[in-house]
Protein backbone atom coordinates (compact mmCIF):
# COMPACT_ATOMS: atom_id res chain seq x y z
CA UNK A 1 77.61 109.32 -18.62
CA UNK A 2 78.05 106.44 -16.44
CA UNK A 3 81.18 104.31 -16.71
CA UNK A 4 80.75 100.59 -17.18
CA UNK A 5 82.76 98.28 -14.83
CA UNK A 6 84.30 95.17 -16.70
CA UNK A 7 83.33 91.67 -15.53
CA UNK A 8 85.63 88.88 -15.44
CA UNK A 9 84.38 85.79 -17.35
CA UNK A 10 84.88 82.41 -15.48
CA UNK A 11 85.75 79.33 -17.77
CA UNK A 12 84.63 75.85 -16.69
CA UNK A 13 86.29 72.83 -18.09
CA UNK A 14 84.40 69.47 -18.16
CA UNK A 15 86.66 66.71 -16.85
CA UNK A 16 86.02 62.88 -18.05
CA UNK A 17 86.92 60.31 -15.45
CA UNK A 18 88.92 57.57 -16.77
CA UNK A 19 87.42 53.99 -16.13
CA UNK A 20 88.78 52.06 -13.38
CA UNK A 21 90.38 48.84 -13.59
CA UNK A 22 87.22 46.92 -12.46
CA UNK A 23 85.08 48.60 -15.17
CA UNK A 24 87.47 47.65 -17.77
CA UNK A 25 87.15 43.99 -16.76
CA UNK A 26 83.47 43.86 -16.77
CA UNK A 27 83.14 45.48 -20.15
CA UNK A 28 85.68 43.07 -21.58
CA UNK A 29 84.11 40.08 -19.76
CA UNK A 30 80.70 41.05 -21.11
CA UNK A 31 81.93 41.22 -24.78
CA UNK A 32 83.69 37.92 -24.27
CA UNK A 33 80.39 36.36 -23.00
CA UNK A 34 78.50 37.57 -25.91
CA UNK A 35 81.16 36.25 -28.18
CA UNK A 36 81.16 32.88 -26.32
CA UNK A 37 77.27 32.74 -26.56
CA UNK A 38 77.49 33.40 -30.26
CA UNK A 39 80.03 30.85 -30.80
CA UNK A 40 77.97 28.38 -28.89
CA UNK A 41 74.98 29.18 -30.82
CA UNK A 42 76.85 29.00 -34.11
CA UNK A 43 78.50 25.59 -32.91
CA UNK A 44 74.80 24.36 -31.96
CA UNK A 45 73.48 25.22 -35.29
CA UNK A 46 76.52 23.51 -36.86
CA UNK A 47 75.93 20.35 -34.84
CA UNK A 48 72.45 20.10 -36.37
CA UNK A 49 73.38 20.70 -39.89
CA UNK A 50 71.75 17.88 -41.96
CA UNK A 51 69.65 16.89 -38.86
CA UNK A 52 66.14 17.72 -37.45
CA UNK A 53 66.17 20.36 -35.04
CA UNK A 54 65.51 19.42 -31.40
CA UNK A 55 61.79 19.08 -30.04
CA UNK A 56 60.19 17.89 -33.04
CA UNK A 57 57.83 14.91 -32.56
CA UNK A 58 55.90 13.48 -35.62
CA UNK A 59 53.06 11.31 -35.15
CA UNK A 60 54.26 10.28 -31.49
CA UNK A 61 57.93 9.71 -32.84
CA UNK A 62 60.58 11.98 -31.44
CA UNK A 63 62.85 12.65 -34.29
CA UNK A 64 64.92 15.33 -32.76
CA UNK A 65 68.57 15.36 -34.04
CA UNK A 66 68.06 12.60 -36.56
CA UNK A 67 69.05 12.39 -40.13
CA UNK A 68 66.62 11.66 -42.91
CA UNK A 69 67.74 8.11 -42.92
CA UNK A 70 67.37 7.75 -39.32
CA UNK A 71 63.97 9.47 -39.21
CA UNK A 72 62.73 7.01 -41.93
CA UNK A 73 63.86 4.10 -39.90
CA UNK A 74 62.13 5.42 -36.91
CA UNK A 75 58.83 5.94 -38.77
CA UNK A 76 59.16 2.24 -40.12
CA UNK A 77 59.51 0.76 -36.83
CA UNK A 78 57.00 3.02 -34.91
CA UNK A 79 54.31 3.54 -37.67
CA UNK A 80 54.69 0.54 -40.02
CA UNK A 81 51.67 -1.23 -38.76
CA UNK A 82 49.47 1.52 -39.92
CA UNK A 83 50.16 0.25 -43.64
CA UNK A 84 48.57 -3.28 -42.69
CA UNK A 85 44.90 -3.98 -42.21
CA UNK A 86 41.73 -4.64 -43.94
CA UNK A 87 38.15 -3.46 -44.37
CA UNK A 88 35.37 -5.85 -44.87
CA UNK A 89 32.51 -4.72 -46.95
CA UNK A 90 29.24 -6.83 -47.28
CA UNK A 91 25.81 -6.56 -48.70
CA UNK A 92 22.77 -8.99 -48.99
CA UNK A 93 24.29 -10.47 -52.20
CA UNK A 94 28.05 -10.08 -52.08
CA UNK A 95 31.18 -9.38 -49.87
CA UNK A 96 34.79 -8.22 -50.24
CA UNK A 97 37.61 -7.51 -48.27
CA UNK A 98 39.86 -4.39 -49.12
CA UNK A 99 43.26 -4.82 -47.82
CA UNK A 100 45.20 -1.52 -47.06
CA UNK A 101 47.88 -2.88 -49.30
CA UNK A 102 45.39 -3.22 -52.21
CA UNK A 103 44.52 0.67 -51.92
CA UNK A 104 48.25 1.52 -51.18
CA UNK A 105 47.61 2.99 -47.71
CA UNK A 106 51.04 4.33 -46.71
CA UNK A 107 52.39 6.65 -43.95
CA UNK A 108 53.74 9.62 -46.10
CA UNK A 109 57.42 9.37 -44.82
CA UNK A 110 58.69 11.63 -47.61
CA UNK A 111 56.40 14.39 -46.63
CA UNK A 112 56.87 13.85 -42.97
CA UNK A 113 60.63 13.63 -43.18
CA UNK A 114 60.73 16.75 -45.64
CA UNK A 115 58.62 18.62 -43.22
CA UNK A 116 60.77 17.82 -40.18
CA UNK A 117 63.88 18.73 -41.96
CA UNK A 118 62.38 22.13 -42.97
CA UNK A 119 60.89 23.10 -39.35
CA UNK A 120 63.07 26.01 -38.02
CA UNK A 121 65.04 26.28 -41.08
CA UNK A 122 65.15 28.85 -43.79
CA UNK A 123 66.74 31.80 -41.56
CA UNK A 124 70.26 32.65 -40.66
CA UNK A 125 72.40 30.27 -38.80
CA UNK A 126 71.80 32.28 -35.70
CA UNK A 127 67.91 32.10 -36.29
CA UNK A 128 68.17 28.44 -36.69
CA UNK A 129 70.25 28.00 -33.58
CA UNK A 130 67.58 29.73 -31.63
CA UNK A 131 64.68 27.79 -33.08
CA UNK A 132 66.58 24.58 -31.95
CA UNK A 133 66.97 25.99 -28.43
CA UNK A 134 63.28 26.87 -28.42
CA UNK A 135 62.57 23.18 -29.45
CA UNK A 136 64.71 22.00 -26.41
CA UNK A 137 62.56 24.06 -23.92
CA UNK A 138 59.14 23.33 -25.61
CA UNK A 139 58.91 20.37 -28.02
CA UNK A 140 56.27 20.52 -30.65
CA UNK A 141 54.05 17.69 -31.97
CA UNK A 142 52.79 17.17 -35.48
CA UNK A 143 50.24 14.75 -36.83
CA UNK A 144 50.94 11.65 -38.84
CA UNK A 145 50.43 12.04 -42.61
CA UNK A 146 48.75 9.20 -44.33
CA UNK A 147 47.40 8.79 -47.73
CA UNK A 148 46.31 6.05 -50.09
CA UNK A 149 45.28 5.27 -53.85
CA UNK A 150 41.76 6.64 -54.40
CA UNK A 151 41.55 5.19 -57.89
CA UNK A 152 42.45 1.82 -56.40
CA UNK A 153 39.67 2.18 -53.97
CA UNK A 154 37.14 3.21 -56.56
CA UNK A 155 38.07 0.26 -58.71
CA UNK A 156 37.83 -2.11 -55.76
CA UNK A 157 34.17 -0.86 -54.94
CA UNK A 158 33.27 -1.07 -58.59
CA UNK A 159 34.21 -4.69 -58.65
CA UNK A 160 32.24 -5.34 -55.47
CA UNK A 161 29.12 -3.37 -56.87
CA UNK A 162 29.26 -5.49 -60.07
CA UNK A 163 29.70 -8.88 -58.16
CA UNK A 164 26.51 -7.95 -56.10
CA UNK A 165 24.30 -6.76 -59.02
CA UNK A 166 21.46 -8.82 -60.06
CA UNK A 167 19.20 -7.76 -62.97
CA UNK A 168 15.54 -7.79 -62.47
CA UNK A 169 13.65 -10.64 -64.22
CA UNK A 170 10.40 -9.62 -65.77
CA UNK A 171 7.38 -11.76 -65.26
CA UNK A 172 6.16 -13.46 -68.36
CA UNK A 173 3.66 -15.88 -69.69
CA UNK A 174 4.99 -18.99 -71.44
CA UNK A 175 3.18 -21.08 -73.95
CA UNK A 176 3.48 -24.71 -73.38
CA UNK A 177 1.71 -27.84 -74.81
CA UNK A 178 -0.89 -27.91 -72.03
CA UNK A 179 -1.45 -24.27 -71.70
CA UNK A 180 0.00 -21.11 -70.29
CA UNK A 181 2.47 -21.03 -67.55
CA UNK A 182 3.43 -17.83 -65.74
CA UNK A 183 7.06 -17.15 -64.87
CA UNK A 184 7.27 -14.87 -61.80
CA UNK A 185 8.87 -11.71 -61.50
CA UNK A 186 12.18 -11.38 -59.59
CA UNK A 187 13.45 -8.22 -58.15
CA UNK A 188 16.90 -7.09 -59.11
CA UNK A 189 19.43 -5.72 -56.70
CA UNK A 190 22.13 -3.11 -57.11
CA UNK A 191 24.63 -2.08 -54.32
CA UNK A 192 24.95 1.53 -53.53
CA UNK A 193 28.65 2.04 -52.33
CA UNK A 194 28.41 5.80 -51.85
CA UNK A 195 27.97 5.67 -48.22
CA UNK A 196 30.54 3.00 -47.53
CA UNK A 197 33.05 4.92 -49.83
CA UNK A 198 32.80 7.96 -47.51
CA UNK A 199 33.52 5.71 -44.35
CA UNK A 200 36.38 4.01 -45.89
CA UNK A 201 38.00 7.33 -46.90
CA UNK A 202 37.67 8.44 -43.09
CA UNK A 203 39.07 4.97 -41.95
CA UNK A 204 42.17 5.12 -44.28
CA UNK A 205 43.05 8.70 -43.40
CA UNK A 206 42.57 8.30 -39.68
CA UNK A 207 45.83 6.81 -38.08
CA UNK A 208 43.75 5.84 -34.98
CA UNK A 209 41.26 3.61 -36.97
CA UNK A 210 41.17 -0.30 -36.21
CA UNK A 211 43.29 -2.45 -38.33
CA UNK A 212 40.13 -4.65 -39.01
CA UNK A 213 36.79 -2.91 -39.81
CA UNK A 214 33.25 -4.21 -40.97
CA UNK A 215 31.02 -2.24 -42.93
CA UNK A 216 27.61 -2.90 -44.51
CA UNK A 217 26.73 -1.67 -47.90
CA UNK A 218 23.17 -0.69 -48.95
CA UNK A 219 21.39 -3.10 -51.21
CA UNK A 220 18.67 -1.51 -53.24
CA UNK A 221 16.01 -3.42 -54.97
CA UNK A 222 15.38 -2.91 -58.76
CA UNK A 223 11.68 -3.60 -59.65
CA UNK A 224 11.09 -5.49 -62.89
CA UNK A 225 9.42 -3.67 -65.73
CA UNK A 226 6.68 -6.36 -65.89
CA UNK A 227 5.23 -7.48 -62.59
CA UNK A 228 3.31 -10.56 -61.64
CA UNK A 229 0.16 -8.47 -61.69
CA UNK A 230 0.94 -7.43 -65.37
CA UNK A 231 1.56 -11.12 -66.28
CA UNK A 232 -1.55 -12.33 -64.51
CA UNK A 233 -3.53 -9.77 -66.64
CA UNK A 234 -1.94 -10.92 -69.73
CA UNK A 235 -2.62 -14.51 -68.85
CA UNK A 236 -6.33 -13.83 -68.21
CA UNK A 237 -6.55 -12.10 -71.47
CA UNK A 238 -4.77 -14.99 -73.28
CA UNK A 239 -6.98 -17.67 -71.79
CA UNK A 240 -9.97 -15.73 -72.99
CA UNK A 241 -8.58 -15.56 -76.53
CA UNK A 242 -7.39 -19.20 -76.61
CA UNK A 243 -10.87 -20.88 -76.54
CA UNK A 244 -12.10 -22.96 -79.47
CA UNK A 245 -13.69 -21.33 -82.39
CA UNK A 246 -16.19 -23.17 -84.51
CA UNK A 247 -16.18 -22.73 -88.31
CA UNK A 248 -19.44 -23.83 -90.00
CA UNK A 249 -20.32 -24.55 -93.59
CA UNK A 250 -23.70 -25.82 -94.27
CA UNK A 251 -24.29 -29.01 -91.87
CA UNK A 252 -20.68 -29.41 -91.37
CA UNK A 253 -18.54 -27.60 -88.66
CA UNK A 254 -15.00 -27.67 -87.63
CA UNK A 255 -13.35 -26.56 -84.48
CA UNK A 256 -10.02 -24.56 -84.26
CA UNK A 257 -8.71 -25.76 -81.07
CA UNK A 258 -7.23 -23.81 -78.10
CA UNK A 259 -3.88 -25.37 -78.81
CA UNK A 260 -3.97 -24.09 -82.27
CA UNK A 261 -4.83 -20.72 -81.25
CA UNK A 262 -2.11 -20.59 -78.61
CA UNK A 263 0.23 -21.40 -81.38
CA UNK A 264 -0.56 -18.26 -83.22
CA UNK A 265 0.08 -16.23 -79.88
CA UNK A 266 3.10 -14.30 -78.58
CA UNK A 267 3.42 -11.87 -75.77
CA UNK A 268 4.57 -8.32 -76.48
CA UNK A 269 5.07 -5.01 -74.43
CA UNK A 270 6.27 -4.43 -70.87
CA UNK A 271 4.51 -3.39 -67.70
CA UNK A 272 0.93 -2.52 -68.06
CA UNK A 273 1.22 -2.91 -71.83
CA UNK A 274 2.33 -6.57 -71.56
CA UNK A 275 -0.37 -8.55 -73.46
CA UNK A 276 -0.92 -11.52 -75.99
CA UNK A 277 -0.63 -10.68 -79.63
CA UNK A 278 -2.02 -12.92 -82.53
CA UNK A 279 0.04 -13.40 -85.78
CA UNK A 280 -2.82 -13.36 -88.25
CA UNK A 281 -0.44 -14.67 -90.91
CA UNK A 282 -0.79 -18.02 -89.24
CA UNK A 283 -4.51 -18.36 -89.44
CA UNK A 284 -4.93 -19.35 -93.10
CA UNK A 285 -2.98 -22.42 -92.36
CA UNK A 286 -5.61 -23.69 -90.02
CA UNK A 287 -8.23 -23.51 -92.84
CA UNK A 288 -6.44 -25.91 -95.25
CA UNK A 289 -8.54 -28.95 -94.28
CA UNK A 290 -11.77 -27.20 -94.17
CA UNK A 291 -10.91 -25.62 -97.46
CA UNK A 292 -10.43 -29.13 -99.04
CA UNK A 293 -13.71 -30.47 -97.64
CA UNK A 294 -15.91 -27.46 -98.58
CA UNK A 295 -14.38 -27.25 -102.26
CA UNK A 296 -16.90 -28.61 -104.81
CA UNK A 297 -16.16 -28.09 -108.53
CA UNK A 298 -19.07 -26.58 -110.57
CA UNK A 299 -20.86 -28.86 -113.17
CA UNK A 300 -22.14 -27.70 -116.59
CA UNK A 301 -25.53 -29.08 -117.94
CA UNK A 302 -25.25 -31.85 -120.44
CA UNK A 303 -27.41 -34.09 -122.52
CA UNK A 304 -27.97 -37.65 -121.43
CA UNK A 305 -27.33 -40.06 -124.25
CA UNK A 306 -27.94 -43.53 -125.02
CA UNK A 307 -25.21 -46.07 -126.07
CA UNK A 308 -26.12 -45.31 -129.65
CA UNK A 309 -25.91 -41.63 -129.16
CA UNK A 310 -29.40 -40.75 -129.10
CA UNK A 311 -30.41 -38.01 -126.63
CA UNK A 312 -33.04 -39.09 -124.00
CA UNK A 313 -32.58 -36.26 -121.49
CA UNK A 314 -30.54 -33.43 -119.80
CA UNK A 315 -28.32 -33.50 -116.71
CA UNK A 316 -28.88 -30.16 -114.87
CA UNK A 317 -25.84 -27.97 -114.10
CA UNK A 318 -24.78 -27.43 -110.42
CA UNK A 319 -22.81 -24.50 -108.98
CA UNK A 320 -19.34 -25.13 -107.42
CA UNK A 321 -18.44 -24.16 -103.97
CA UNK A 322 -15.21 -22.84 -102.23
CA UNK A 323 -14.30 -21.60 -99.00
CA UNK A 324 -13.88 -17.82 -98.96
CA UNK A 325 -10.50 -17.89 -97.02
CA UNK A 326 -10.18 -14.24 -96.62
CA UNK A 327 -13.51 -13.67 -95.34
CA UNK A 328 -13.10 -16.66 -92.86
CA UNK A 329 -9.81 -15.33 -91.69
CA UNK A 330 -11.41 -11.86 -91.27
CA UNK A 331 -14.22 -13.33 -89.20
CA UNK A 332 -11.65 -15.38 -87.15
CA UNK A 333 -9.45 -12.20 -86.61
CA UNK A 334 -12.64 -10.03 -85.53
CA UNK A 335 -13.57 -12.97 -82.99
CA UNK A 336 -9.99 -13.02 -81.63
CA UNK A 337 -9.75 -9.26 -81.44
CA UNK A 338 -13.11 -9.00 -79.65
CA UNK A 339 -12.05 -11.53 -77.05
CA UNK A 340 -8.74 -9.51 -76.51
CA UNK A 341 -10.41 -6.23 -75.89
CA UNK A 342 -13.35 -7.49 -73.65
CA UNK A 343 -13.36 -6.42 -70.28
CA UNK A 344 -11.79 -9.15 -68.09
CA UNK A 345 -14.40 -11.22 -65.97
CA UNK A 346 -12.23 -10.72 -63.00
CA UNK A 347 -13.31 -7.23 -62.43
CA UNK A 348 -16.97 -8.36 -62.18
CA UNK A 349 -16.39 -10.96 -59.53
CA UNK A 350 -18.20 -10.24 -56.28
CA UNK A 351 -20.43 -11.77 -53.50
CA UNK A 352 -24.09 -11.25 -53.10
CA UNK A 353 -26.16 -12.01 -50.05
CA UNK A 354 -29.45 -13.67 -49.87
CA UNK A 355 -30.96 -10.22 -49.18
CA UNK A 356 -29.53 -8.83 -52.23
CA UNK A 357 -26.53 -6.90 -50.64
CA UNK A 358 -23.39 -6.80 -52.85
CA UNK A 359 -20.13 -7.28 -51.21
CA UNK A 360 -17.32 -6.13 -53.57
CA UNK A 361 -14.18 -8.31 -53.93
CA UNK A 362 -11.05 -6.29 -54.60
CA UNK A 363 -9.72 -8.84 -57.15
CA UNK A 364 -7.52 -6.39 -58.76
CA UNK A 365 -5.63 -5.94 -55.39
CA UNK A 366 -5.25 -9.66 -55.14
CA UNK A 367 -2.85 -9.39 -58.18
CA UNK A 368 -0.91 -6.39 -57.17
CA UNK A 369 1.78 -5.73 -54.76
CA UNK A 370 0.83 -5.40 -51.07
CA UNK A 371 -0.34 -1.84 -50.22
CA UNK A 372 1.59 0.19 -47.74
CA UNK A 373 -0.71 -0.53 -44.75
CA UNK A 374 -0.52 -4.34 -45.77
CA UNK A 375 3.22 -4.15 -45.38
CA UNK A 376 3.01 -2.70 -42.01
CA UNK A 377 0.71 -5.66 -41.04
CA UNK A 378 3.15 -8.14 -42.69
CA UNK A 379 6.03 -6.59 -40.79
CA UNK A 380 4.41 -8.00 -37.63
CA UNK A 381 4.26 -11.62 -38.94
CA UNK A 382 6.66 -14.23 -37.19
CA UNK A 383 7.87 -17.05 -39.26
CA UNK A 384 6.62 -19.52 -40.26
CA UNK A 385 3.38 -18.12 -41.71
CA UNK A 386 0.27 -19.78 -42.92
CA UNK A 387 -1.71 -17.55 -45.40
CA UNK A 388 -5.26 -18.74 -45.27
CA UNK A 389 -7.31 -18.23 -48.33
CA UNK A 390 -4.25 -16.94 -50.10
CA UNK A 391 -5.67 -16.49 -53.62
CA UNK A 392 -2.97 -15.63 -55.98
CA UNK A 393 -0.61 -15.52 -52.96
CA UNK A 394 0.70 -11.93 -53.12
CA UNK A 395 0.95 -11.96 -49.32
CA UNK A 396 2.79 -15.37 -49.33
CA UNK A 397 5.25 -13.98 -51.96
CA UNK A 398 5.80 -10.66 -50.12
CA UNK A 399 6.62 -12.66 -46.88
CA UNK A 400 9.08 -14.88 -48.69
CA UNK A 401 10.91 -11.80 -50.18
CA UNK A 402 11.19 -10.67 -46.44
CA UNK A 403 12.98 -13.96 -45.66
CA UNK A 404 10.03 -15.69 -43.93
CA UNK A 405 8.96 -19.22 -44.45
CA UNK A 406 5.46 -18.82 -45.75
CA UNK A 407 2.79 -21.35 -46.97
CA UNK A 408 -0.60 -20.44 -48.82
CA UNK A 409 -3.67 -22.50 -48.70
CA UNK A 410 -6.83 -22.13 -50.77
CA UNK A 411 -9.93 -24.13 -51.87
CA UNK A 412 -10.13 -22.58 -55.30
CA UNK A 413 -8.27 -24.65 -57.82
CA UNK A 414 -7.89 -21.57 -60.20
CA UNK A 415 -6.30 -19.56 -57.40
CA UNK A 416 -3.89 -22.30 -56.60
CA UNK A 417 -2.83 -22.67 -60.06
CA UNK A 418 -2.21 -19.07 -60.43
CA UNK A 419 -0.26 -18.80 -57.26
CA UNK A 420 1.90 -21.82 -58.37
CA UNK A 421 2.73 -20.14 -61.71
CA UNK A 422 3.97 -17.16 -59.67
CA UNK A 423 6.30 -19.49 -57.87
CA UNK A 424 4.54 -19.42 -54.44
CA UNK A 425 4.41 -22.62 -52.29
CA UNK A 426 0.62 -23.32 -51.99
CA UNK A 427 -1.65 -26.25 -51.22
CA UNK A 428 -5.18 -26.92 -52.46
CA UNK A 429 -6.57 -27.37 -48.98
CA UNK A 430 -9.20 -25.53 -46.60
CA UNK A 431 -7.98 -24.20 -43.32
CA UNK A 432 -10.22 -26.90 -41.63
CA UNK A 433 -8.52 -29.71 -43.36
CA UNK A 434 -5.54 -31.40 -41.78
CA UNK A 435 -2.47 -29.15 -42.52
CA UNK A 436 1.21 -29.29 -42.15
CA UNK A 437 2.96 -28.07 -38.88
CA UNK A 438 -0.32 -27.98 -36.96
CA UNK A 439 0.61 -26.37 -33.54
CA UNK A 440 3.81 -25.06 -34.85
CA UNK A 441 2.92 -22.00 -36.96
CA UNK A 442 4.16 -18.56 -35.77
CA UNK A 443 1.50 -16.59 -37.60
CA UNK A 444 -1.82 -17.14 -39.21
CA UNK A 445 -2.89 -14.58 -41.78
CA UNK A 446 -6.72 -13.88 -42.16
CA UNK A 447 -6.62 -10.97 -44.67
CA UNK A 448 -8.51 -9.69 -47.66
CA UNK A 449 -11.84 -10.58 -46.06
CA UNK A 450 -10.91 -14.12 -45.08
CA UNK A 451 -12.25 -13.64 -41.62
CA UNK A 452 -15.63 -14.71 -43.25
CA UNK A 453 -14.32 -18.13 -44.21
CA UNK A 454 -16.78 -20.76 -43.04
CA UNK A 455 -19.44 -18.21 -41.84
CA UNK A 456 -18.59 -18.74 -38.31
CA UNK A 457 -15.62 -16.54 -37.04
CA UNK A 458 -15.66 -17.94 -33.60
CA UNK A 459 -14.81 -21.34 -35.03
CA UNK A 460 -12.39 -19.83 -37.43
CA UNK A 461 -10.39 -18.27 -34.63
CA UNK A 462 -10.45 -21.41 -32.59
CA UNK A 463 -9.05 -23.34 -35.54
CA UNK A 464 -6.31 -20.73 -35.96
CA UNK A 465 -5.52 -20.94 -32.36
CA UNK A 466 -4.92 -24.81 -32.73
CA UNK A 467 -2.62 -24.15 -35.71
CA UNK A 468 -0.29 -21.69 -33.73
CA UNK A 469 2.62 -22.59 -31.38
CA UNK A 470 2.69 -21.06 -27.99
CA UNK A 471 3.19 -17.31 -28.26
CA UNK A 472 2.13 -17.52 -31.91
CA UNK A 473 -0.25 -14.65 -33.51
CA UNK A 474 -2.97 -14.17 -35.86
CA UNK A 475 -3.04 -11.19 -38.13
CA UNK A 476 -6.75 -10.40 -39.13
CA UNK A 477 -8.35 -7.85 -41.55
CA UNK A 478 -11.61 -6.47 -40.07
CA UNK A 479 -14.54 -4.31 -41.05
CA UNK A 480 -14.80 -0.72 -39.62
CA UNK A 481 -16.32 -0.12 -36.30
CA UNK A 482 -20.01 -0.30 -36.20
CA UNK A 483 -20.43 -3.63 -38.04
CA UNK A 484 -20.01 -6.01 -34.96
CA UNK A 485 -20.27 -9.55 -35.94
CA UNK A 486 -22.67 -10.69 -38.93
CA UNK A 487 -23.27 -14.19 -40.37
CA UNK A 488 -25.19 -14.68 -43.47
CA UNK A 489 -25.29 -16.73 -46.80
CA UNK A 490 -23.60 -15.48 -49.94
CA UNK A 491 -23.03 -16.45 -53.65
CA UNK A 492 -20.32 -15.69 -55.98
CA UNK A 493 -21.74 -13.48 -58.71
CA UNK A 494 -19.77 -13.42 -62.14
CA UNK A 495 -20.99 -11.71 -65.12
CA UNK A 496 -24.41 -11.45 -63.58
CA UNK A 497 -24.75 -15.21 -63.05
CA UNK A 498 -25.06 -16.39 -59.43
CA UNK A 499 -23.57 -19.59 -58.27
CA UNK A 500 -24.63 -21.72 -55.20
CA UNK A 501 -24.88 -20.21 -51.76
CA UNK A 502 -22.30 -20.75 -48.87
CA UNK A 503 -21.90 -19.37 -45.43
CA UNK A 504 -19.99 -16.19 -44.82
CA UNK A 505 -19.40 -13.57 -42.09
CA UNK A 506 -18.32 -10.16 -41.20
CA UNK A 507 -16.25 -9.02 -38.06
CA UNK A 508 -16.10 -5.29 -37.27
CA UNK A 509 -13.38 -3.92 -34.95
CA UNK A 510 -15.87 -3.50 -32.19
CA UNK A 511 -16.81 -7.17 -32.34
CA UNK A 512 -13.50 -8.54 -32.06
CA UNK A 513 -12.70 -8.52 -28.45
CA UNK A 514 -15.28 -11.20 -27.24
CA UNK A 515 -14.47 -13.61 -30.26
CA UNK A 516 -10.75 -13.35 -29.63
CA UNK A 517 -11.15 -13.89 -26.02
CA UNK A 518 -13.27 -16.98 -26.43
CA UNK A 519 -10.87 -18.54 -28.85
CA UNK A 520 -7.69 -18.13 -26.64
CA UNK A 521 -6.44 -14.86 -27.93
CA UNK A 522 -6.03 -11.35 -26.77
CA UNK A 523 -6.29 -8.32 -28.83
CA UNK A 524 -2.46 -6.95 -28.67
CA UNK A 525 -2.91 -4.26 -31.44
CA UNK A 526 -5.32 -2.52 -33.74
CA UNK A 527 -4.17 -0.78 -36.94
CA UNK A 528 -5.81 1.30 -39.60
CA UNK A 529 -4.83 2.94 -42.71
CA UNK A 530 -6.11 3.75 -46.26
CA UNK A 531 -9.67 3.11 -45.08
CA UNK A 532 -8.80 -0.48 -43.85
CA UNK A 533 -8.67 -2.13 -40.35
CA UNK A 534 -6.53 -4.80 -39.07
CA UNK A 535 -5.62 -6.52 -35.72
CA UNK A 536 -2.88 -8.42 -34.08
CA UNK A 537 -4.20 -11.34 -31.86
CA UNK A 538 -1.67 -12.85 -29.52
CA UNK A 539 -2.26 -16.40 -28.25
CA UNK A 540 -2.64 -16.62 -24.53
């Protein structure tokens, strides 16, 4: 067995070196520096107790280190002007000024100061001190906070809307001693403030908005329920009803006058239903005088006696006579009702040439509102405007609504009377008569076939040129291409009866250029729409 040699075990000891004096000084100094820094931070934070931390700018105002009172004073000085100003709002009928004070537009100092005081707060003192130091290094800007009283603005706009509101006026037929008079319809107006309300809201909340602003509110027309055309139809019916009625008994007759019939009449309904109505209960009173004259008492047969009482003959009996009031009232009522429901003569009004050709006249259009294509044409009219052959003056009235000075002329007394009852300025004159403002009109209208007036388009265009000022224009309605220029004799045909003939003409689009050139015009524009053709002729 081998013997084992013992091995000696070596023990090592770890020796820690003691720090030297320099190391001890460094460690102590570092600890002291940290304590100083911590103390400084705490002192910094303590210095801003009750104050806004550094580096905070609100609405361009540096409020660093300020107390609440100081911050409010700074805002008043720098931002107080934001609370003064006005917004002028206008429409076609009303205007108002909304002062900032009226809607309590204010800089929200409470919210801004509270927000500034809270910035960087809410942590430990150490964290607040660090936030303050960060503010010194990199200031932070915050927007101005502005508010206003929305209920006050809504109230101001409501008052403005009410002040500019105009209710529409229905056209109506009035009954006077001499006959009927038409009171023309008048459009109403309402003001739409929705768009300006949104704009005002943006202005009041924007600190960079101007101190004085002007806005335009939208004016929206309100059409009356009963138009001029509705009243004109009712007038035509009423005039047809209010013609005399002859009551006959034997060889005697009596006339119930138009004035008496008008006294039984009222107008009821609205819009297309607007029409005259007869109070049948008033009819019997018109028969009282007739009843007395017609009344004859019956006579019995009787003996004829002498003075002594002897009979010498017999007087024959005779029947009495009385007016059957109920039957007469029924007959009068039936007559009036038949007149009321008869088709208006106006719809059977047309021209007929010597060769038998019928030229329809759109009389129903004359009493309506201008069609869209006509409005496009009227938009090209330059004031003042002479409406030649104006008829019931729908174009004259439409131009007046656009703000243009317009005058109608027509040779038909009935047309002039109707136009006057609609409130249009008209004269009972021909275009070839001496007219007001000769050589000073801005526009001459020759619409609704009136290019045919006089039967000589060249002469008519030359006359129109003498009426216009330099730079004036004529707006003319034409026939479609292919017609050229045609001159002929026509007569007015009403209810199948034809009147005396007179000269008339047609001018197609393709026949216009030479006529215009010869009269001192140039064709500036040709328009078409809804199957109709128009042209604008500018004076050279």
